N, C-alpha and C. Protein backbone atom coordinates (compact mmCIF):
# COMPACT_ATOMS: atom_id res chain seq x y z
N MET A 1 111.95 89.17 110.25
CA MET A 1 111.22 87.92 110.28
C MET A 1 111.58 87.18 111.56
N SER A 2 110.65 86.37 112.02
CA SER A 2 110.91 85.59 113.22
C SER A 2 110.76 84.10 112.91
N THR A 3 111.18 83.28 113.86
CA THR A 3 111.13 81.84 113.71
C THR A 3 110.06 81.27 114.62
N LEU A 4 109.35 80.27 114.14
CA LEU A 4 108.30 79.62 114.91
C LEU A 4 108.57 78.12 114.92
N THR A 5 108.58 77.53 116.11
CA THR A 5 108.74 76.09 116.24
C THR A 5 107.40 75.50 116.66
N VAL A 6 106.95 74.49 115.94
CA VAL A 6 105.68 73.84 116.27
C VAL A 6 105.99 72.47 116.86
N ARG A 7 105.63 72.31 118.11
CA ARG A 7 105.86 71.04 118.78
C ARG A 7 104.56 70.22 118.80
N LYS A 8 104.72 68.93 119.00
CA LYS A 8 103.59 68.01 119.17
C LYS A 8 102.63 68.06 117.98
N LEU A 9 103.20 68.15 116.79
CA LEU A 9 102.40 68.14 115.57
C LEU A 9 101.87 66.73 115.33
N VAL A 10 100.60 66.60 115.05
CA VAL A 10 99.98 65.30 114.81
C VAL A 10 100.65 64.66 113.59
N ASP A 11 100.91 63.35 113.68
CA ASP A 11 101.61 62.65 112.60
C ASP A 11 100.92 62.83 111.25
N ASP A 12 99.59 62.76 111.22
CA ASP A 12 98.85 62.90 109.98
C ASP A 12 99.13 64.26 109.34
N THR A 13 99.15 65.30 110.15
CA THR A 13 99.43 66.65 109.64
C THR A 13 100.86 66.73 109.12
N LYS A 14 101.78 66.13 109.85
CA LYS A 14 103.19 66.15 109.45
C LYS A 14 103.39 65.41 108.12
N GLU A 15 102.62 64.35 107.90
CA GLU A 15 102.73 63.60 106.65
C GLU A 15 102.06 64.32 105.48
N ARG A 16 100.99 65.06 105.75
CA ARG A 16 100.25 65.72 104.67
C ARG A 16 100.88 67.04 104.23
N LEU A 17 101.62 67.69 105.12
CA LEU A 17 102.21 69.00 104.78
C LEU A 17 103.16 68.92 103.58
N PRO A 18 104.10 67.98 103.53
CA PRO A 18 104.98 67.95 102.35
C PRO A 18 104.23 67.61 101.05
N ILE A 19 103.16 66.83 101.16
CA ILE A 19 102.37 66.51 99.96
C ILE A 19 101.68 67.77 99.44
N ARG A 20 101.07 68.50 100.36
CA ARG A 20 100.39 69.75 99.95
C ARG A 20 101.40 70.76 99.41
N ALA A 21 102.55 70.84 100.04
CA ALA A 21 103.60 71.76 99.58
C ALA A 21 104.03 71.41 98.16
N ALA A 22 104.22 70.13 97.90
CA ALA A 22 104.64 69.69 96.56
C ALA A 22 103.56 70.01 95.53
N GLN A 23 102.30 69.85 95.90
CA GLN A 23 101.21 70.15 94.98
C GLN A 23 101.19 71.63 94.59
N HIS A 24 101.65 72.49 95.50
CA HIS A 24 101.67 73.93 95.23
C HIS A 24 103.05 74.43 94.80
N GLY A 25 103.99 73.51 94.66
CA GLY A 25 105.33 73.89 94.21
C GLY A 25 106.09 74.71 95.23
N ARG A 26 105.87 74.43 96.51
CA ARG A 26 106.54 75.18 97.58
C ARG A 26 107.30 74.23 98.49
N SER A 27 108.17 74.81 99.28
CA SER A 27 108.81 74.04 100.34
C SER A 27 107.80 73.86 101.47
N MET A 28 108.07 72.93 102.38
CA MET A 28 107.16 72.75 103.52
C MET A 28 107.06 74.02 104.34
N GLU A 29 108.17 74.69 104.51
CA GLU A 29 108.19 75.93 105.29
C GLU A 29 107.35 77.02 104.62
N ALA A 30 107.49 77.16 103.31
CA ALA A 30 106.71 78.16 102.57
C ALA A 30 105.22 77.81 102.61
N GLU A 31 104.91 76.52 102.51
CA GLU A 31 103.51 76.09 102.56
C GLU A 31 102.91 76.39 103.93
N ALA A 32 103.66 76.12 105.00
CA ALA A 32 103.18 76.41 106.35
C ALA A 32 102.94 77.91 106.52
N ARG A 33 103.85 78.73 105.98
CA ARG A 33 103.65 80.19 106.05
C ARG A 33 102.39 80.60 105.33
N GLU A 34 102.17 80.02 104.14
CA GLU A 34 100.98 80.38 103.35
C GLU A 34 99.70 79.94 104.05
N ILE A 35 99.71 78.77 104.67
CA ILE A 35 98.53 78.30 105.40
C ILE A 35 98.23 79.24 106.56
N LEU A 36 99.24 79.62 107.31
CA LEU A 36 99.03 80.55 108.43
C LEU A 36 98.56 81.91 107.95
N ARG A 37 99.22 82.43 106.89
CA ARG A 37 98.84 83.75 106.37
C ARG A 37 97.39 83.74 105.90
N GLY A 38 97.01 82.74 105.12
CA GLY A 38 95.65 82.66 104.60
C GLY A 38 94.62 82.49 105.70
N SER A 39 94.93 81.67 106.66
CA SER A 39 93.99 81.43 107.76
C SER A 39 93.78 82.69 108.59
N LEU A 40 94.85 83.38 108.90
CA LEU A 40 94.73 84.58 109.72
C LEU A 40 94.16 85.75 108.94
N ALA A 41 94.44 85.82 107.66
CA ALA A 41 93.90 86.92 106.85
C ALA A 41 92.39 86.81 106.73
N SER A 42 91.87 85.59 106.59
CA SER A 42 90.43 85.45 106.44
C SER A 42 89.70 85.66 107.77
N ALA A 43 90.40 85.51 108.88
CA ALA A 43 89.77 85.68 110.20
C ALA A 43 89.82 87.14 110.66
N ARG A 44 90.60 87.96 109.99
CA ARG A 44 90.78 89.34 110.42
C ARG A 44 89.61 90.21 109.95
N PRO A 45 89.02 91.00 110.86
CA PRO A 45 87.96 91.93 110.44
C PRO A 45 88.50 92.92 109.42
N ARG A 46 87.71 93.27 108.46
CA ARG A 46 88.15 94.16 107.38
C ARG A 46 88.04 95.63 107.75
N GLY A 47 86.98 96.03 108.44
CA GLY A 47 86.81 97.44 108.74
C GLY A 47 86.03 97.62 110.02
N VAL A 48 85.70 98.85 110.32
CA VAL A 48 84.99 99.18 111.54
C VAL A 48 83.63 98.48 111.58
N GLY A 49 82.91 98.49 110.49
CA GLY A 49 81.60 97.85 110.46
C GLY A 49 81.70 96.36 110.74
N SER A 50 82.72 95.71 110.18
CA SER A 50 82.92 94.28 110.42
C SER A 50 83.26 94.01 111.87
N ARG A 51 84.08 94.87 112.46
CA ARG A 51 84.44 94.68 113.88
C ARG A 51 83.23 94.88 114.78
N ILE A 52 82.39 95.86 114.48
CA ILE A 52 81.16 96.08 115.27
C ILE A 52 80.25 94.87 115.11
N HIS A 53 80.08 94.41 113.88
CA HIS A 53 79.24 93.25 113.63
C HIS A 53 79.73 92.03 114.41
N GLN A 54 81.04 91.81 114.41
CA GLN A 54 81.62 90.67 115.09
C GLN A 54 81.35 90.72 116.60
N ARG A 55 81.36 91.90 117.18
CA ARG A 55 81.09 92.03 118.61
C ARG A 55 79.62 91.83 118.95
N LEU A 56 78.73 92.14 118.02
CA LEU A 56 77.30 92.08 118.29
C LEU A 56 76.63 90.78 117.86
N VAL A 57 77.35 89.94 117.11
CA VAL A 57 76.79 88.68 116.65
C VAL A 57 76.41 87.82 117.87
N GLY A 58 75.25 87.23 117.81
CA GLY A 58 74.83 86.34 118.88
C GLY A 58 74.05 87.02 120.00
N LEU A 59 73.86 88.33 119.91
CA LEU A 59 73.12 89.04 120.95
C LEU A 59 71.62 89.10 120.65
N GLY A 60 71.21 88.54 119.52
CA GLY A 60 69.80 88.54 119.17
C GLY A 60 69.32 89.84 118.56
N LEU A 61 70.23 90.70 118.17
CA LEU A 61 69.84 92.00 117.62
C LEU A 61 69.22 91.87 116.23
N ASP A 62 69.49 90.76 115.55
CA ASP A 62 68.89 90.58 114.23
C ASP A 62 67.40 90.27 114.32
N GLU A 63 66.93 90.02 115.53
CA GLU A 63 65.51 89.72 115.73
C GLU A 63 64.69 90.97 116.08
N ILE A 64 65.34 92.10 116.23
CA ILE A 64 64.64 93.34 116.57
C ILE A 64 63.79 93.78 115.39
N ARG A 65 62.54 94.09 115.63
CA ARG A 65 61.64 94.56 114.59
C ARG A 65 61.50 96.07 114.72
N PHE A 66 61.91 96.79 113.69
CA PHE A 66 61.79 98.23 113.69
C PHE A 66 60.45 98.63 113.07
N PRO A 67 59.81 99.64 113.64
CA PRO A 67 58.52 100.07 113.07
C PRO A 67 58.74 100.69 111.69
N PRO A 68 57.77 100.53 110.82
CA PRO A 68 57.91 101.11 109.47
C PRO A 68 57.90 102.64 109.55
N ARG A 69 58.58 103.27 108.64
CA ARG A 69 58.58 104.73 108.59
C ARG A 69 57.24 105.22 108.11
N THR A 70 56.75 106.28 108.74
CA THR A 70 55.45 106.82 108.35
C THR A 70 55.59 108.07 107.49
N GLU A 71 56.76 108.67 107.51
CA GLU A 71 56.97 109.86 106.68
C GLU A 71 58.33 109.77 106.02
N LEU A 72 58.48 110.49 104.93
CA LEU A 72 59.74 110.50 104.20
C LEU A 72 60.77 111.34 104.95
N THR A 73 62.02 111.01 104.78
CA THR A 73 63.07 111.82 105.40
C THR A 73 63.15 113.16 104.69
N ARG A 74 63.54 114.17 105.46
CA ARG A 74 63.66 115.52 104.91
C ARG A 74 65.11 115.95 104.97
N ALA A 75 65.49 116.78 104.04
CA ALA A 75 66.83 117.34 104.07
C ALA A 75 66.94 118.34 105.23
N ALA A 76 68.13 118.46 105.78
CA ALA A 76 68.33 119.38 106.88
C ALA A 76 68.15 120.81 106.39
N ASP A 77 67.56 121.64 107.24
CA ASP A 77 67.35 123.06 106.93
C ASP A 77 68.42 123.85 107.67
N PHE A 78 69.42 124.33 106.94
CA PHE A 78 70.54 125.06 107.55
C PHE A 78 70.30 126.58 107.60
N GLU A 79 69.17 127.02 107.15
CA GLU A 79 68.87 128.45 107.11
C GLU A 79 68.42 128.95 108.48
N LYS A 80 67.96 128.12 109.34
CA LYS A 80 67.45 128.57 110.65
C LYS A 80 68.54 128.76 111.64
């Protein structure tokens, strides 16, 4: 485990942290760890598809119109 020092913490945040910690039955340090863990866990891509999606968001690719299929897909013929 490592140690993290947070400098220049806004007074409002410093006053609210012990209140939130008490509401969850944790120490201020444990509450800060949980806030960081939860925040970073929700921001982390889950899989390859999510990471690809994250890179392509905002490129306008959701506006691409694909032509409708005119024939059904066929199974591959491995006999040839």
